[in-house]
Amino acid sequence: MNGREIESHYKLETGFAEEQQLNRQRHEESQQLHKELLKESRSQNIDIDYLRSQVAKHDMEIHRFKATVN
């Protein structure tokens, strides 16, 4: 290999290593975002379940009141 080929080869290897590092960073950021979205989704599901439970309780109270009035 002559000097120019060695320099070109070095640039390719350096570029490849930089691209690998960028891909790792992107993957880590993506994984972190995914975890945060799952956490938020679970939190919202818990809120939804709580609200459904409250609605069911209120519906039962309304039913009882209607039954006592009639």
Protein backbone atom coordinates (compact mmCIF):
# COMPACT_ATOMS: atom_id res chain seq x y z
CA MET A 1 0.00 0.00 0.00
CA ASN A 2 1.22 3.45 -0.76
CA GLY A 3 0.73 6.48 1.48
CA ARG A 4 -2.44 7.60 -0.25
CA GLU A 5 -4.05 4.13 0.06
CA ILE A 6 -3.10 3.93 3.73
CA GLU A 7 -4.59 7.37 4.37
CA SER A 8 -7.77 6.41 2.53
CA HIS A 9 -8.01 3.14 4.45
CA TYR A 10 -7.48 4.99 7.75
CA LYS A 11 -10.24 7.48 6.87
CA LEU A 12 -12.62 4.62 6.08
CA GLU A 13 -11.87 2.90 9.39
CA THR A 14 -12.21 6.16 11.31
CA GLY A 15 -15.48 6.98 9.56
CA PHE A 16 -16.80 3.50 10.27
CA ALA A 17 -15.86 3.75 13.97
CA GLU A 18 -17.54 7.15 14.23
CA GLU A 19 -20.67 5.82 12.54
CA GLN A 20 -20.75 2.85 14.94
CA GLN A 21 -20.48 5.22 17.90
CA LEU A 22 -23.30 7.40 16.55
CA ASN A 23 -25.46 4.31 16.02
CA ARG A 24 -24.79 3.17 19.60
CA GLN A 25 -25.76 6.60 20.92
CA ARG A 26 -28.93 6.65 18.81
CA HIS A 27 -29.82 3.17 20.02
CA GLU A 28 -29.28 4.14 23.67
CA GLU A 29 -31.38 7.28 23.23
CA SER A 30 -34.09 5.25 21.53
CA GLN A 31 -34.06 2.69 24.35
CA GLN A 32 -34.31 5.45 26.95
CA LEU A 33 -37.21 7.08 25.13
CA HIS A 34 -38.92 3.69 24.85
CA LYS A 35 -38.57 3.14 28.61
CA GLU A 36 -39.97 6.60 29.34
CA LEU A 37 -42.93 6.02 27.02
CA LEU A 38 -43.67 2.66 28.63
CA LYS A 39 -43.53 4.25 32.08
CA GLU A 40 -45.91 7.02 30.99
CA SER A 41 -48.24 4.49 29.37
CA ARG A 42 -48.36 2.39 32.53
CA SER A 43 -49.05 5.48 34.61
CA GLN A 44 -51.91 6.45 32.31
CA ASN A 45 -53.32 2.92 32.45
CA ILE A 46 -53.29 3.06 36.24
CA ASP A 47 -55.10 6.42 36.11
CA ILE A 48 -57.66 5.01 33.69
CA ASP A 49 -58.28 1.95 35.88
CA TYR A 50 -58.73 4.19 38.93
CA LEU A 51 -61.20 6.43 37.10
CA ARG A 52 -63.16 3.42 35.81
CA SER A 53 -63.38 2.12 39.36
CA GLN A 54 -64.64 5.48 40.59
CA VAL A 55 -67.25 5.65 37.83
CA ALA A 56 -68.44 2.15 38.73
CA LYS A 57 -68.75 3.14 42.40
CA HIS A 58 -70.71 6.25 41.51
CA ASP A 59 -72.95 4.27 39.18
CA MET A 60 -73.73 1.87 42.03
CA GLU A 61 -74.52 4.77 44.37
CA ILE A 62 -76.84 6.30 41.77
CA HIS A 63 -78.54 2.93 41.33
CA ARG A 64 -79.02 2.59 45.11
CA PHE A 65 -80.45 6.09 45.39
CA LYS A 66 -82.84 5.43 42.51
CA ALA A 67 -83.88 2.16 44.12
CA THR A 68 -84.64 3.82 47.46
CA VAL A 69 -86.57 6.65 45.80
CA ASN A 70 -88.74 4.27 43.79
